Amino acid sequence: MATYFGMEHASSKDPHDWGRAMCAALNRLLEEAKGDRNYLEHKHLLGQDIVMRIEAEGDGVAVHLSWKPQNQDDAPRDEEDDDREAVGRKTAVQREATEQEAAEREAAELVEGSGRGG
């Protein structure tokens, strides 16, 4: 599964002032997820674990959120899964090409051994 990230700055170090930054970071996280699949909405976050990290930054903070979809059959796949699938497809194509070449060689040998041609 893919992991999505969102980050926003808050101009204050007071936690009471971080709500807007958390909301903006959450929206950024969802926008990133929508880039993979258009159906991801806020409802897909219900029951999910979202990791939040607050880092001091000048007079304020940076709010970092990350989300790795859990137990969602319709969640976007991780690039690593796609890479494995692509390797499998490439191997199958190579196998088919090798089988095709072998069949062509066999056909050529049959023609040569039949007494036809040169």
C-alpha atoms as a PDB file:
ATOM      1  CA  MET A   1       0.000   0.000   0.000  1.00  0.00           C
ATOM      2  CA  ALA A   2       1.092   3.528  -0.689  1.00  0.00           C
ATOM      3  CA  THR A   3       1.805   6.043   2.067  1.00  0.00           C
ATOM      4  CA  TYR A   4       0.534   9.599   1.647  1.00  0.00           C
ATOM      5  CA  PHE A   5       1.859  12.791   3.218  1.00  0.00           C
ATOM      6  CA  GLY A   6       0.586  16.281   3.923  1.00  0.00           C
ATOM      7  CA  MET A   7       2.345  19.229   5.587  1.00  0.00           C
ATOM      8  CA  GLU A   8       1.366  22.760   6.559  1.00  0.00           C
ATOM      9  CA  HIS A   9       2.927  25.562   8.590  1.00  0.00           C
ATOM     10  CA  ALA A  10       1.366  27.230  11.627  1.00  0.00           C
ATOM     11  CA  SER A  11       2.611  30.670  12.600  1.00  0.00           C
ATOM     12  CA  SER A  12       2.229  29.989  16.344  1.00  0.00           C
ATOM     13  CA  LYS A  13       3.743  27.527  18.789  1.00  0.00           C
ATOM     14  CA  ASP A  14       0.494  27.487  20.768  1.00  0.00           C
ATOM     15  CA  PRO A  15      -1.373  24.182  20.126  1.00  0.00           C
ATOM     16  CA  HIS A  16      -4.691  26.062  20.110  1.00  0.00           C
ATOM     17  CA  ASP A  17      -3.564  27.687  16.869  1.00  0.00           C
ATOM     18  CA  TRP A  18      -2.663  24.488  15.013  1.00  0.00           C
ATOM     19  CA  GLY A  19      -6.158  23.455  13.877  1.00  0.00           C
ATOM     20  CA  ARG A  20      -6.006  25.245  10.527  1.00  0.00           C
ATOM     21  CA  ALA A  21      -2.574  23.778   9.810  1.00  0.00           C
ATOM     22  CA  MET A  22      -3.764  20.253  10.672  1.00  0.00           C
ATOM     23  CA  CYS A  23      -6.822  20.656   8.446  1.00  0.00           C
ATOM     24  CA  ALA A  24      -4.731  21.980   5.559  1.00  0.00           C
ATOM     25  CA  ALA A  25      -2.194  19.149   5.978  1.00  0.00           C
ATOM     26  CA  LEU A  26      -5.029  16.606   5.946  1.00  0.00           C
ATOM     27  CA  ASN A  27      -6.438  18.094   2.753  1.00  0.00           C
ATOM     28  CA  ARG A  28      -2.981  18.001   1.145  1.00  0.00           C
ATOM     29  CA  LEU A  29      -2.649  14.352   2.154  1.00  0.00           C
ATOM     30  CA  LEU A  30      -5.994  13.536   0.515  1.00  0.00           C
ATOM     31  CA  GLU A  31      -5.074  15.480  -2.629  1.00  0.00           C
ATOM     32  CA  GLU A  32      -1.947  13.336  -2.913  1.00  0.00           C
ATOM     33  CA  ALA A  33      -4.065  10.194  -2.503  1.00  0.00           C
ATOM     34  CA  LYS A  34      -6.546  11.400  -5.125  1.00  0.00           C
ATOM     35  CA  GLY A  35      -3.656  11.572  -7.570  1.00  0.00           C
ATOM     36  CA  ASP A  36      -3.567   7.776  -7.438  1.00  0.00           C
ATOM     37  CA  ARG A  37      -7.304   7.134  -7.434  1.00  0.00           C
ATOM     38  CA  ASN A  38     -10.061   9.705  -7.851  1.00  0.00           C
ATOM     39  CA  TYR A  39     -12.474   7.989  -5.479  1.00  0.00           C
ATOM     40  CA  LEU A  40     -10.517   8.697  -2.286  1.00  0.00           C
ATOM     41  CA  GLU A  41     -12.487  11.065  -0.079  1.00  0.00           C
ATOM     42  CA  HIS A  42     -12.564  12.090   3.574  1.00  0.00           C
ATOM     43  CA  LYS A  43     -14.793   9.087   4.319  1.00  0.00           C
ATOM     44  CA  HIS A  44     -11.880   6.791   3.442  1.00  0.00           C
ATOM     45  CA  LEU A  45     -10.050   8.113   6.517  1.00  0.00           C
ATOM     46  CA  LEU A  46     -12.720   6.879   8.951  1.00  0.00           C
ATOM     47  CA  GLY A  47     -11.253   4.216  11.220  1.00  0.00           C
ATOM     48  CA  GLN A  48      -7.768   4.795   9.827  1.00  0.00           C
ATOM     49  CA  ASP A  49      -4.564   5.609  11.718  1.00  0.00           C
ATOM     50  CA  ILE A  50      -2.995   8.925  10.712  1.00  0.00           C
ATOM     51  CA  VAL A  51       0.445   9.764  12.051  1.00  0.00           C
ATOM     52  CA  MET A  52       1.089  13.381  13.030  1.00  0.00           C
ATOM     53  CA  ARG A  53       4.461  14.971  13.735  1.00  0.00           C
ATOM     54  CA  ILE A  54       4.842  18.547  14.972  1.00  0.00           C
ATOM     55  CA  GLU A  55       8.211  20.219  14.417  1.00  0.00           C
ATOM     56  CA  ALA A  56       9.300  23.605  15.745  1.00  0.00           C
ATOM     57  CA  GLU A  57       9.950  26.079  12.973  1.00  0.00           C
ATOM     58  CA  GLY A  58      10.952  29.672  13.748  1.00  0.00           C
ATOM     59  CA  ASP A  59       8.052  31.321  15.599  1.00  0.00           C
ATOM     60  CA  GLY A  60       5.646  28.498  14.661  1.00  0.00           C
ATOM     61  CA  VAL A  61       5.503  24.831  13.806  1.00  0.00           C
ATOM     62  CA  ALA A  62       5.236  22.519  10.829  1.00  0.00           C
ATOM     63  CA  VAL A  63       2.447  19.942  11.031  1.00  0.00           C
ATOM     64  CA  HIS A  64       3.293  16.721   9.169  1.00  0.00           C
ATOM     65  CA  LEU A  65       0.664  14.027   8.576  1.00  0.00           C
ATOM     66  CA  SER A  66       1.125  10.615   7.015  1.00  0.00           C
ATOM     67  CA  TRP A  67      -1.391   7.927   6.185  1.00  0.00           C
ATOM     68  CA  LYS A  68      -0.953   4.377   4.999  1.00  0.00           C
ATOM     69  CA  PRO A  69      -4.398   2.929   4.174  1.00  0.00           C
ATOM     70  CA  GLN A  70      -5.175  -0.098   6.309  1.00  0.00           C
ATOM     71  CA  ASN A  71      -7.555  -2.912   5.409  1.00  0.00           C
ATOM     72  CA  GLN A  72      -8.967  -1.221   2.340  1.00  0.00           C
ATOM     73  CA  ASP A  73      -9.358  -3.412  -0.692  1.00  0.00           C
ATOM     74  CA  ASP A  74      -9.872  -0.348  -2.870  1.00  0.00           C
ATOM     75  CA  ALA A  75      -6.808   1.528  -1.599  1.00  0.00           C
ATOM     76  CA  PRO A  76      -4.118   2.458  -4.139  1.00  0.00           C
ATOM     77  CA  ARG A  77      -1.272   0.022  -4.466  1.00  0.00           C
ATOM     78  CA  ASP A  78       2.288   0.857  -3.539  1.00  0.00           C
ATOM     79  CA  GLU A  79       4.802   1.507  -6.328  1.00  0.00           C
ATOM     80  CA  GLU A  80       6.729  -1.536  -5.104  1.00  0.00           C
ATOM     81  CA  ASP A  81       3.691  -3.743  -5.859  1.00  0.00           C
ATOM     82  CA  ASP A  82       3.434  -2.175  -9.328  1.00  0.00           C
ATOM     83  CA  ASP A  83       7.152  -2.810  -9.926  1.00  0.00           C
ATOM     84  CA  ARG A  84       6.758  -6.494  -9.008  1.00  0.00           C
ATOM     85  CA  GLU A  85       3.771  -6.791 -11.336  1.00  0.00           C
ATOM     86  CA  ALA A  86       5.688  -5.103 -14.174  1.00  0.00           C
ATOM     87  CA  VAL A  87       8.590  -7.539 -13.722  1.00  0.00           C
ATOM     88  CA  GLY A  88       6.130 -10.430 -13.896  1.00  0.00           C
ATOM     89  CA  ARG A  89       4.628  -9.050 -17.126  1.00  0.00           C
ATOM     90  CA  LYS A  90       8.106  -8.543 -18.601  1.00  0.00           C
ATOM     91  CA  THR A  91       9.093 -12.115 -17.734  1.00  0.00           C
ATOM     92  CA  ALA A  92       5.906 -13.462 -19.360  1.00  0.00           C
ATOM     93  CA  VAL A  93       6.560 -11.413 -22.527  1.00  0.00           C
ATOM     94  CA  GLN A  94      10.158 -12.657 -22.656  1.00  0.00           C
ATOM     95  CA  ARG A  95       8.972 -16.246 -22.189  1.00  0.00           C
ATOM     96  CA  GLU A  96       6.461 -15.850 -25.041  1.00  0.00           C
ATOM     97  CA  ALA A  97       9.155 -14.365 -27.305  1.00  0.00           C
ATOM     98  CA  THR A  98      11.510 -17.262 -26.514  1.00  0.00           C
ATOM     99  CA  GLU A  99       8.751 -19.798 -27.223  1.00  0.00           C
ATOM    100  CA  GLN A 100       7.937 -18.020 -30.513  1.00  0.00           C
ATOM    101  CA  GLU A 101      11.604 -18.087 -31.557  1.00  0.00           C
ATOM    102  CA  ALA A 102      11.839 -21.802 -30.752  1.00  0.00           C
ATOM    103  CA  ALA A 103       8.713 -22.525 -32.790  1.00  0.00           C
ATOM    104  CA  GLU A 104      10.114 -20.561 -35.750  1.00  0.00           C
ATOM    105  CA  ARG A 105      13.448 -22.447 -35.569  1.00  0.00           C
ATOM    106  CA  GLU A 106      11.612 -25.770 -35.445  1.00  0.00           C
ATOM    107  CA  ALA A 107       9.494 -24.811 -38.448  1.00  0.00           C
ATOM    108  CA  ALA A 108      12.611 -23.750 -40.383  1.00  0.00           C
ATOM    109  CA  GLU A 109      14.331 -27.073 -39.584  1.00  0.00           C
ATOM    110  CA  LEU A 110      11.286 -29.008 -40.797  1.00  0.00           C
ATOM    111  CA  VAL A 111      11.304 -27.107 -44.085  1.00  0.00           C
ATOM    112  CA  GLU A 112      15.041 -27.684 -44.584  1.00  0.00           C
ATOM    113  CA  GLY A 113      14.779 -31.391 -43.786  1.00  0.00           C
ATOM    114  CA  SER A 114      11.839 -31.951 -46.139  1.00  0.00           C
ATOM    115  CA  GLY A 115      13.952 -31.899 -49.243  1.00  0.00           C
ATOM    116  CA  ARG A 116      12.422 -28.665 -50.400  1.00  0.00           C
ATOM    117  CA  GLY A 117      14.407 -25.617 -51.162  1.00  0.00           C
ATOM    118  CA  GLY A 118      18.138 -25.334 -51.253  1.00  0.00           C
END
